[in-house]
Amino acid sequence: MSWALILKTLRDRWRNAAGWAGIGGLMAVIQLYIYPSIKESSDAMDKFIDVFPKELIAMFRIEDYTSSVGFLGTELFSMMIPMVFIALGASWGASAAAEEEDRGTSEIIYALPIRRHQVLISKMMATWLVMVATGIFLVLEITIGSTVVDLNLEGVDLIAATAGCLSLGVFFHGLSLAIGSLTGHRGIAIGASIGLGLLSFLIFALAPLVDTFDAILPFNPFEWALGNNPLKEGVDWPGLGWLGLGGLIGYAIALVAIDRRDLDA
């Protein structure tokens, strides 16, 4: 690991990091902004939800929409924030593994007096720092924003829900690194990782409606991250464990592949 490379990666890609954190923060602000209207019309909203198609209620796992847990779970932690972490992990993973080749600078970066896998580990560390910082930013933003809009967070485990989303990002970060290290193509790594992330979400969302999905749901990353409703139930340690294991497998494949593959300068 090289702290110089970690700092270089953060310096080179700080705009990307700020962009993804900003997107997540903006979505949180928008949803918090509309919460007072939801709260003021809670009775009417509950009646509206009651006549919602049961399929949609099952798909988005809507439970007591006007409560803090129900509102945040439906509007932020069902898709928006998880996809921010997936996109962040996938894009940074693909760049770490293949961007140097796309730019034609691989002969420079890999000519440093450290092994290729050490270069990759340094870039991985930079990504972890960015994802943790993004998670902390979102937790603080929602916590502070909730006081402004009078959203009662009692019984809401923001840290557990954010940890699940962050671990989802780690999983797809490992996947993107592995694909990028094996293929040497940044576009393929990003497209495949985000595509699989969207497919995982689609299966997770449709599972209550499609019986045939029941058999594969236990192997779905979204189920590991969100299936136990961490906003309400707290940290799902087994789920986080599976996501971490999946990320580690991706990292191991990437580290072996980057040392063995012929790189294009």
C-alpha atoms as a PDB file:
ATOM      1  CA  MET A   1       0.000   0.000   0.000  1.00  0.00           C
ATOM      2  CA  SER A   2       1.224   3.504  -0.848  1.00  0.00           C
ATOM      3  CA  TRP A   3      -0.158   6.593   0.873  1.00  0.00           C
ATOM      4  CA  ALA A   4       1.147   8.669  -2.032  1.00  0.00           C
ATOM      5  CA  LEU A   5      -1.003   6.654  -4.452  1.00  0.00           C
ATOM      6  CA  ILE A   6      -4.003   6.878  -2.129  1.00  0.00           C
ATOM      7  CA  LEU A   7      -3.689  10.655  -2.026  1.00  0.00           C
ATOM      8  CA  LYS A   8      -3.141  10.801  -5.799  1.00  0.00           C
ATOM      9  CA  THR A   9      -6.292   8.753  -6.398  1.00  0.00           C
ATOM     10  CA  LEU A  10      -8.324  10.995  -4.100  1.00  0.00           C
ATOM     11  CA  ARG A  11      -6.891  14.108  -5.750  1.00  0.00           C
ATOM     12  CA  ASP A  12      -7.545  12.832  -9.278  1.00  0.00           C
ATOM     13  CA  ARG A  13     -11.104  11.690  -8.584  1.00  0.00           C
ATOM     14  CA  TRP A  14     -12.373  14.083  -5.928  1.00  0.00           C
ATOM     15  CA  ARG A  15     -14.907  15.586  -8.346  1.00  0.00           C
ATOM     16  CA  ASN A  16     -16.400  12.155  -8.973  1.00  0.00           C
ATOM     17  CA  ALA A  17     -16.581  11.493  -5.228  1.00  0.00           C
ATOM     18  CA  ALA A  18     -18.139  14.885  -4.562  1.00  0.00           C
ATOM     19  CA  GLY A  19     -20.620  14.291  -7.369  1.00  0.00           C
ATOM     20  CA  TRP A  20     -21.907  10.986  -6.011  1.00  0.00           C
ATOM     21  CA  ALA A  21     -22.032  12.283  -2.444  1.00  0.00           C
ATOM     22  CA  GLY A  22     -23.830  15.367  -3.735  1.00  0.00           C
ATOM     23  CA  ILE A  23     -26.387  13.281  -5.608  1.00  0.00           C
ATOM     24  CA  GLY A  24     -27.130  11.237  -2.490  1.00  0.00           C
ATOM     25  CA  GLY A  25     -27.282  14.373  -0.369  1.00  0.00           C
ATOM     26  CA  LEU A  26     -29.579  16.163  -2.814  1.00  0.00           C
ATOM     27  CA  MET A  27     -31.987  13.220  -2.894  1.00  0.00           C
ATOM     28  CA  ALA A  28     -32.061  13.202   0.900  1.00  0.00           C
ATOM     29  CA  VAL A  29     -32.755  16.954   1.006  1.00  0.00           C
ATOM     30  CA  ILE A  30     -35.596  16.651  -1.489  1.00  0.00           C
ATOM     31  CA  GLN A  31     -37.251  13.815   0.414  1.00  0.00           C
ATOM     32  CA  LEU A  32     -36.834  15.551   3.773  1.00  0.00           C
ATOM     33  CA  TYR A  33     -38.268  18.732   2.245  1.00  0.00           C
ATOM     34  CA  ILE A  34     -41.528  17.012   1.320  1.00  0.00           C
ATOM     35  CA  TYR A  35     -41.884  15.175   4.644  1.00  0.00           C
ATOM     36  CA  PRO A  36     -43.790  17.989   6.456  1.00  0.00           C
ATOM     37  CA  SER A  37     -46.478  17.789   3.742  1.00  0.00           C
ATOM     38  CA  ILE A  38     -46.674  14.026   4.234  1.00  0.00           C
ATOM     39  CA  LYS A  39     -46.919  14.446   8.003  1.00  0.00           C
ATOM     40  CA  GLU A  40     -49.655  17.100   7.815  1.00  0.00           C
ATOM     41  CA  SER A  41     -51.791  14.866   5.615  1.00  0.00           C
ATOM     42  CA  SER A  42     -50.893  11.604   7.335  1.00  0.00           C
ATOM     43  CA  ASP A  43     -54.494  10.393   7.665  1.00  0.00           C
ATOM     44  CA  ALA A  44     -55.249  11.049   4.010  1.00  0.00           C
ATOM     45  CA  MET A  45     -51.918   9.525   3.004  1.00  0.00           C
ATOM     46  CA  ASP A  46     -52.613   6.369   5.020  1.00  0.00           C
ATOM     47  CA  LYS A  47     -55.967   6.013   3.289  1.00  0.00           C
ATOM     48  CA  PHE A  48     -54.265   6.560  -0.065  1.00  0.00           C
ATOM     49  CA  ILE A  49     -51.714   3.862   0.681  1.00  0.00           C
ATOM     50  CA  ASP A  50     -54.521   1.516   1.755  1.00  0.00           C
ATOM     51  CA  VAL A  51     -56.036   1.661  -1.732  1.00  0.00           C
ATOM     52  CA  PHE A  52     -52.654   1.306  -3.418  1.00  0.00           C
ATOM     53  CA  PRO A  53     -52.322  -1.856  -5.527  1.00  0.00           C
ATOM     54  CA  LYS A  54     -51.059  -4.595  -3.242  1.00  0.00           C
ATOM     55  CA  GLU A  55     -48.436  -5.443  -5.846  1.00  0.00           C
ATOM     56  CA  LEU A  56     -46.844  -2.002  -5.532  1.00  0.00           C
ATOM     57  CA  ILE A  57     -46.977  -2.126  -1.735  1.00  0.00           C
ATOM     58  CA  ALA A  58     -45.225  -5.493  -1.832  1.00  0.00           C
ATOM     59  CA  MET A  59     -42.700  -4.360  -4.452  1.00  0.00           C
ATOM     60  CA  PHE A  60     -41.551  -1.324  -2.479  1.00  0.00           C
ATOM     61  CA  ARG A  61     -42.121  -3.026   0.886  1.00  0.00           C
ATOM     62  CA  ILE A  62     -44.179  -0.103   2.138  1.00  0.00           C
ATOM     63  CA  GLU A  63     -44.858  -0.385   5.843  1.00  0.00           C
ATOM     64  CA  ASP A  64     -46.570   2.503   7.652  1.00  0.00           C
ATOM     65  CA  TYR A  65     -45.442   5.039   5.064  1.00  0.00           C
ATOM     66  CA  THR A  66     -46.049   8.108   7.235  1.00  0.00           C
ATOM     67  CA  SER A  67     -43.789   6.890  10.054  1.00  0.00           C
ATOM     68  CA  SER A  68     -40.098   7.821  10.088  1.00  0.00           C
ATOM     69  CA  VAL A  69     -38.992   4.260   9.361  1.00  0.00           C
ATOM     70  CA  GLY A  70     -41.590   3.777   6.643  1.00  0.00           C
ATOM     71  CA  PHE A  71     -40.911   7.102   4.948  1.00  0.00           C
ATOM     72  CA  LEU A  72     -37.118   6.853   4.938  1.00  0.00           C
ATOM     73  CA  GLY A  73     -37.206   3.183   3.994  1.00  0.00           C
ATOM     74  CA  THR A  74     -39.529   3.784   1.044  1.00  0.00           C
ATOM     75  CA  GLU A  75     -38.118   7.040  -0.276  1.00  0.00           C
ATOM     76  CA  LEU A  76     -34.382   6.744   0.396  1.00  0.00           C
ATOM     77  CA  PHE A  77     -33.211   3.325   1.525  1.00  0.00           C
ATOM     78  CA  SER A  78     -35.210   1.132  -0.839  1.00  0.00           C
ATOM     79  CA  MET A  79     -33.357   2.184  -3.993  1.00  0.00           C
ATOM     80  CA  MET A  80     -31.890   5.707  -4.088  1.00  0.00           C
ATOM     81  CA  ILE A  81     -29.083   5.504  -1.526  1.00  0.00           C
ATOM     82  CA  PRO A  82     -28.206   1.869  -2.325  1.00  0.00           C
ATOM     83  CA  MET A  83     -27.784   2.763  -6.002  1.00  0.00           C
ATOM     84  CA  VAL A  84     -25.544   5.716  -5.113  1.00  0.00           C
ATOM     85  CA  PHE A  85     -23.168   3.369  -3.277  1.00  0.00           C
ATOM     86  CA  ILE A  86     -23.352   0.784  -6.061  1.00  0.00           C
ATOM     87  CA  ALA A  87     -22.532   3.391  -8.704  1.00  0.00           C
ATOM     88  CA  LEU A  88     -19.733   4.815  -6.553  1.00  0.00           C
ATOM     89  CA  GLY A  89     -18.191   1.407  -5.898  1.00  0.00           C
ATOM     90  CA  ALA A  90     -18.572   0.210  -9.488  1.00  0.00           C
ATOM     91  CA  SER A  91     -17.155   3.362 -11.102  1.00  0.00           C
ATOM     92  CA  TRP A  92     -14.190   3.633  -8.745  1.00  0.00           C
ATOM     93  CA  GLY A  93     -13.480  -0.092  -9.014  1.00  0.00           C
ATOM     94  CA  ALA A  94     -13.475   0.016 -12.802  1.00  0.00           C
ATOM     95  CA  SER A  95     -11.217   3.069 -12.809  1.00  0.00           C
ATOM     96  CA  ALA A  96      -8.784   1.495 -10.339  1.00  0.00           C
ATOM     97  CA  ALA A  97      -8.435  -1.638 -12.442  1.00  0.00           C
ATOM     98  CA  ALA A  98      -8.507  -0.336 -15.998  1.00  0.00           C
ATOM     99  CA  GLU A  99      -8.378   3.466 -16.255  1.00  0.00           C
ATOM    100  CA  GLU A 100      -4.595   3.572 -16.568  1.00  0.00           C
ATOM    101  CA  GLU A 101      -4.791   1.359 -19.652  1.00  0.00           C
ATOM    102  CA  ASP A 102      -7.607   3.435 -21.130  1.00  0.00           C
ATOM    103  CA  ARG A 103      -5.465   6.555 -20.689  1.00  0.00           C
ATOM    104  CA  GLY A 104      -2.306   4.874 -21.957  1.00  0.00           C
ATOM    105  CA  THR A 105      -0.468   5.573 -18.699  1.00  0.00           C
ATOM    106  CA  SER A 106      -0.194   2.038 -17.334  1.00  0.00           C
ATOM    107  CA  GLU A 107       3.522   1.805 -18.161  1.00  0.00           C
ATOM    108  CA  ILE A 108       4.103   4.848 -15.925  1.00  0.00           C
ATOM    109  CA  ILE A 109       2.046   3.861 -12.902  1.00  0.00           C
ATOM    110  CA  TYR A 110       3.158   0.225 -12.983  1.00  0.00           C
ATOM    111  CA  ALA A 111       6.812   1.203 -13.407  1.00  0.00           C
ATOM    112  CA  LEU A 112       6.839   2.361  -9.804  1.00  0.00           C
ATOM    113  CA  PRO A 113       9.006   0.246  -7.472  1.00  0.00           C
ATOM    114  CA  ILE A 114       5.987  -1.571  -6.007  1.00  0.00           C
ATOM    115  CA  ARG A 115       4.033  -4.590  -7.185  1.00  0.00           C
ATOM    116  CA  ARG A 116       0.934  -4.171  -9.337  1.00  0.00           C
ATOM    117  CA  HIS A 117      -1.341  -5.541  -6.651  1.00  0.00           C
ATOM    118  CA  GLN A 118       0.039  -2.962  -4.217  1.00  0.00           C
ATOM    119  CA  VAL A 119      -1.002  -0.224  -6.638  1.00  0.00           C
ATOM    120  CA  LEU A 120      -4.474  -1.759  -6.765  1.00  0.00           C
ATOM    121  CA  ILE A 121      -4.683  -2.059  -2.973  1.00  0.00           C
ATOM    122  CA  SER A 122      -3.825   1.632  -2.650  1.00  0.00           C
ATOM    123  CA  LYS A 123      -6.663   2.537  -5.018  1.00  0.00           C
ATOM    124  CA  MET A 124      -8.996   0.202  -3.133  1.00  0.00           C
ATOM    125  CA  MET A 125      -8.148   1.980   0.109  1.00  0.00           C
ATOM    126  CA  ALA A 126      -8.987   5.324  -1.493  1.00  0.00           C
ATOM    127  CA  THR A 127     -12.393   3.981  -2.508  1.00  0.00           C
ATOM    128  CA  TRP A 128     -13.133   2.683   0.981  1.00  0.00           C
ATOM    129  CA  LEU A 129     -12.267   6.082   2.458  1.00  0.00           C
ATOM    130  CA  VAL A 130     -14.604   7.803   0.007  1.00  0.00           C
ATOM    131  CA  MET A 131     -17.477   5.389   0.659  1.00  0.00           C
ATOM    132  CA  VAL A 132     -17.119   5.699   4.444  1.00  0.00           C
ATOM    133  CA  ALA A 133     -16.976   9.500   4.149  1.00  0.00           C
ATOM    134  CA  THR A 134     -20.093   9.448   1.960  1.00  0.00           C
ATOM    135  CA  GLY A 135     -21.913   7.268   4.482  1.00  0.00           C
ATOM    136  CA  ILE A 136     -20.982   9.562   7.374  1.00  0.00           C
ATOM    137  CA  PHE A 137     -22.061  12.595   5.340  1.00  0.00           C
ATOM    138  CA  LEU A 138     -25.480  11.073   4.593  1.00  0.00           C
ATOM    139  CA  VAL A 139     -26.091  10.019   8.201  1.00  0.00           C
ATOM    140  CA  LEU A 140     -25.202  13.489   9.481  1.00  0.00           C
ATOM    141  CA  GLU A 141     -27.272  15.185   6.784  1.00  0.00           C
ATOM    142  CA  ILE A 142     -30.379  13.117   7.487  1.00  0.00           C
ATOM    143  CA  THR A 143     -29.927  13.475  11.241  1.00  0.00           C
ATOM    144  CA  ILE A 144     -29.568  17.252  11.068  1.00  0.00           C
ATOM    145  CA  GLY A 145     -32.269  17.602   8.415  1.00  0.00           C
ATOM    146  CA  SER A 146     -34.713  15.562  10.475  1.00  0.00           C
ATOM    147  CA  THR A 147     -34.543  18.168  13.255  1.00  0.00           C
ATOM    148  CA  VAL A 148     -35.416  20.899  10.763  1.00  0.00           C
ATOM    149  CA  VAL A 149     -38.485  19.120   9.345  1.00  0.00           C
ATOM    150  CA  ASP A 150     -39.515  17.544  12.667  1.00  0.00           C
ATOM    151  CA  LEU A 151     -38.893  13.979  11.516  1.00  0.00           C
ATOM    152  CA  ASN A 152     -38.693  11.894  14.665  1.00  0.00           C
ATOM    153  CA  LEU A 153     -35.791   9.467  14.347  1.00  0.00           C
ATOM    154  CA  GLU A 154     -36.586   7.567  17.538  1.00  0.00           C
ATOM    155  CA  GLY A 155     -36.482   3.878  16.666  1.00  0.00           C
ATOM    156  CA  VAL A 156     -34.730   4.604  13.358  1.00  0.00           C
ATOM    157  CA  ASP A 157     -31.312   2.968  12.954  1.00  0.00           C
ATOM    158  CA  LEU A 158     -29.707   5.183  10.324  1.00  0.00           C
ATOM    159  CA  ILE A 159     -26.251   3.765  10.911  1.00  0.00           C
ATOM    160  CA  ALA A 160     -27.399   0.176  10.343  1.00  0.00           C
ATOM    161  CA  ALA A 161     -29.250   1.065   7.137  1.00  0.00           C
ATOM    162  CA  THR A 162     -26.325   3.113   5.829  1.00  0.00           C
ATOM    163  CA  ALA A 163     -23.905   0.295   6.710  1.00  0.00           C
ATOM    164  CA  GLY A 164     -26.025  -2.077   4.629  1.00  0.00           C
ATOM    165  CA  CYS A 165     -25.940   0.298   1.649  1.00  0.00           C
ATOM    166  CA  LEU A 166     -22.203   0.887   2.078  1.00  0.00           C
ATOM    167  CA  SER A 167     -21.572  -2.868   2.193  1.00  0.00           C
ATOM    168  CA  LEU A 168     -23.587  -3.193  -0.993  1.00  0.00           C
ATOM    169  CA  GLY A 169     -21.190  -0.685  -2.527  1.00  0.00           C
ATOM    170  CA  VAL A 170     -18.226  -2.735  -1.303  1.00  0.00           C
ATOM    171  CA  PHE A 171     -19.692  -5.862  -2.911  1.00  0.00           C
ATOM    172  CA  PHE A 172     -20.061  -4.201  -6.320  1.00  0.00           C
ATOM    173  CA  HIS A 173     -16.716  -2.462  -5.909  1.00  0.00           C
ATOM    174  CA  GLY A 174     -15.094  -5.894  -5.625  1.00  0.00           C
ATOM    175  CA  LEU A 175     -17.082  -7.149  -8.600  1.00  0.00           C
ATOM    176  CA  SER A 176     -16.083  -4.163 -10.732  1.00  0.00           C
ATOM    177  CA  LEU A 177     -12.426  -4.503  -9.733  1.00  0.00           C
ATOM    178  CA  ALA A 178     -12.445  -8.168 -10.674  1.00  0.00           C
ATOM    179  CA  ILE A 179     -14.053  -7.560 -14.071  1.00  0.00           C
ATOM    180  CA  GLY A 180     -11.784  -4.605 -14.801  1.00  0.00           C
ATOM    181  CA  SER A 181      -8.655  -6.521 -13.803  1.00  0.00           C
ATOM    182  CA  LEU A 182      -9.628  -9.513 -15.923  1.00  0.00           C
ATOM    183  CA  THR A 183     -10.662  -7.576 -19.040  1.00  0.00           C
ATOM    184  CA  GLY A 184      -8.668  -4.355 -18.866  1.00  0.00           C
ATOM    185  CA  HIS A 185     -11.730  -2.423 -20.055  1.00  0.00           C
ATOM    186  CA  ARG A 186     -13.220   0.242 -17.782  1.00  0.00           C
ATOM    187  CA  GLY A 187     -16.482   0.472 -19.728  1.00  0.00           C
ATOM    188  CA  ILE A 188     -17.120  -3.262 -19.530  1.00  0.00           C
ATOM    189  CA  ALA A 189     -16.446  -3.276 -15.780  1.00  0.00           C
ATOM    190  CA  ILE A 190     -18.782  -0.351 -15.083  1.00  0.00           C
ATOM    191  CA  GLY A 191     -21.532  -1.581 -17.393  1.00  0.00           C
ATOM    192  CA  ALA A 192     -21.479  -5.153 -16.116  1.00  0.00           C
ATOM    193  CA  SER A 193     -21.340  -4.164 -12.431  1.00  0.00           C
ATOM    194  CA  ILE A 194     -24.082  -1.539 -12.544  1.00  0.00           C
ATOM    195  CA  GLY A 195     -26.158  -3.783 -14.812  1.00  0.00           C
ATOM    196  CA  LEU A 196     -25.907  -6.624 -12.298  1.00  0.00           C
ATOM    197  CA  GLY A 197     -26.753  -4.145  -9.534  1.00  0.00           C
ATOM    198  CA  LEU A 198     -29.944  -3.103 -11.332  1.00  0.00           C
ATOM    199  CA  LEU A 199     -30.817  -6.740 -12.013  1.00  0.00           C
ATOM    200  CA  SER A 200     -30.316  -7.544  -8.320  1.00  0.00           C
ATOM    201  CA  PHE A 201     -32.633  -4.686  -7.354  1.00  0.00           C
ATOM    202  CA  LEU A 202     -35.259  -5.801  -9.873  1.00  0.00           C
ATOM    203  CA  ILE A 203     -35.253  -9.354  -8.500  1.00  0.00           C
ATOM    204  CA  PHE A 204     -35.367  -8.034  -4.928  1.00  0.00           C
ATOM    205  CA  ALA A 205     -38.290  -5.740  -5.751  1.00  0.00           C
ATOM    206  CA  LEU A 206     -40.268  -8.342  -7.682  1.00  0.00           C
ATOM    207  CA  ALA A 207     -39.589 -11.247  -5.329  1.00  0.00           C
ATOM    208  CA  PRO A 208     -42.818 -10.712  -3.313  1.00  0.00           C
ATOM    209  CA  LEU A 209     -44.761 -10.964  -6.584  1.00  0.00           C
ATOM    210  CA  VAL A 210     -42.882 -13.727  -8.423  1.00  0.00           C
ATOM    211  CA  ASP A 211     -42.776 -17.085  -6.670  1.00  0.00           C
ATOM    212  CA  THR A 212     -39.923 -18.372  -8.815  1.00  0.00           C
ATOM    213  CA  PHE A 213     -37.661 -15.649  -7.377  1.00  0.00           C
ATOM    214  CA  ASP A 214     -37.975 -17.096  -3.881  1.00  0.00           C
ATOM    215  CA  ALA A 215     -35.275 -19.657  -4.602  1.00  0.00           C
ATOM    216  CA  ILE A 216     -32.682 -17.067  -5.655  1.00  0.00           C
ATOM    217  CA  LEU A 217     -33.610 -14.280  -3.218  1.00  0.00           C
ATOM    218  CA  PRO A 218     -31.312 -15.635  -0.437  1.00  0.00           C
ATOM    219  CA  PHE A 219     -28.376 -15.169  -2.848  1.00  0.00           C
ATOM    220  CA  ASN A 220     -29.317 -11.604  -3.796  1.00  0.00           C
ATOM    221  CA  PRO A 221     -26.999  -8.793  -2.557  1.00  0.00           C
ATOM    222  CA  PHE A 222     -29.987  -6.472  -2.016  1.00  0.00           C
ATOM    223  CA  GLU A 223     -31.577  -9.084   0.224  1.00  0.00           C
ATOM    224  CA  TRP A 224     -28.372  -9.282   2.264  1.00  0.00           C
ATOM    225  CA  ALA A 225     -28.257  -5.500   2.604  1.00  0.00           C
ATOM    226  CA  LEU A 226     -31.922  -4.572   3.068  1.00  0.00           C
ATOM    227  CA  GLY A 227     -34.025  -7.706   3.421  1.00  0.00           C
ATOM    228  CA  ASN A 228     -34.041  -7.554   7.227  1.00  0.00           C
ATOM    229  CA  ASN A 229     -35.155  -3.878   7.227  1.00  0.00           C
ATOM    230  CA  PRO A 230     -32.094  -2.531   9.067  1.00  0.00           C
ATOM    231  CA  LEU A 231     -33.765   0.868   9.555  1.00  0.00           C
ATOM    232  CA  LYS A 232     -36.156  -0.839  11.941  1.00  0.00           C
ATOM    233  CA  GLU A 233     -34.396  -4.010  13.060  1.00  0.00           C
ATOM    234  CA  GLY A 234     -30.792  -2.792  13.288  1.00  0.00           C
ATOM    235  CA  VAL A 235     -27.639  -4.300  11.860  1.00  0.00           C
ATOM    236  CA  ASP A 236     -28.068  -7.539   9.927  1.00  0.00           C
ATOM    237  CA  TRP A 237     -24.690  -9.106  10.689  1.00  0.00           C
ATOM    238  CA  PRO A 238     -25.133 -12.215   8.509  1.00  0.00           C
ATOM    239  CA  GLY A 239     -26.173 -10.028   5.588  1.00  0.00           C
ATOM    240  CA  LEU A 240     -23.170  -7.741   6.047  1.00  0.00           C
ATOM    241  CA  GLY A 241     -20.983 -10.833   6.312  1.00  0.00           C
ATOM    242  CA  TRP A 242     -22.153 -12.180   2.955  1.00  0.00           C
ATOM    243  CA  LEU A 243     -21.642  -8.797   1.293  1.00  0.00           C
ATOM    244  CA  GLY A 244     -18.166  -8.546   2.801  1.00  0.00           C
ATOM    245  CA  LEU A 245     -17.303 -12.059   1.680  1.00  0.00           C
ATOM    246  CA  GLY A 246     -18.485 -11.305  -1.846  1.00  0.00           C
ATOM    247  CA  GLY A 247     -16.375  -8.155  -1.901  1.00  0.00           C
ATOM    248  CA  LEU A 248     -13.320 -10.056  -0.631  1.00  0.00           C
ATOM    249  CA  ILE A 249     -13.703 -12.680  -3.351  1.00  0.00           C
ATOM    250  CA  GLY A 250     -13.828  -9.920  -5.961  1.00  0.00           C
ATOM    251  CA  TYR A 251     -10.750  -8.273  -4.468  1.00  0.00           C
ATOM    252  CA  ALA A 252      -8.831 -11.561  -4.424  1.00  0.00           C
ATOM    253  CA  ILE A 253      -9.637 -12.222  -8.086  1.00  0.00           C
ATOM    254  CA  ALA A 254      -8.616  -8.674  -8.995  1.00  0.00           C
ATOM    255  CA  LEU A 255      -5.305  -8.823  -7.155  1.00  0.00           C
ATOM    256  CA  VAL A 256      -4.335 -12.121  -8.788  1.00  0.00           C
ATOM    257  CA  ALA A 257      -5.518 -11.037 -12.241  1.00  0.00           C
ATOM    258  CA  ILE A 258      -3.739  -7.682 -12.246  1.00  0.00           C
ATOM    259  CA  ASP A 259      -0.399  -9.356 -11.509  1.00  0.00           C
ATOM    260  CA  ARG A 260      -0.827 -11.961 -14.235  1.00  0.00           C
ATOM    261  CA  ARG A 261      -2.429 -10.034 -17.075  1.00  0.00           C
ATOM    262  CA  ASP A 262      -0.441  -8.490 -19.939  1.00  0.00           C
ATOM    263  CA  LEU A 263      -1.113  -4.774 -19.692  1.00  0.00           C
ATOM    264  CA  ASP A 264      -1.455  -2.418 -22.642  1.00  0.00           C
ATOM    265  CA  ALA A 265       0.610   0.721 -22.195  1.00  0.00           C
END
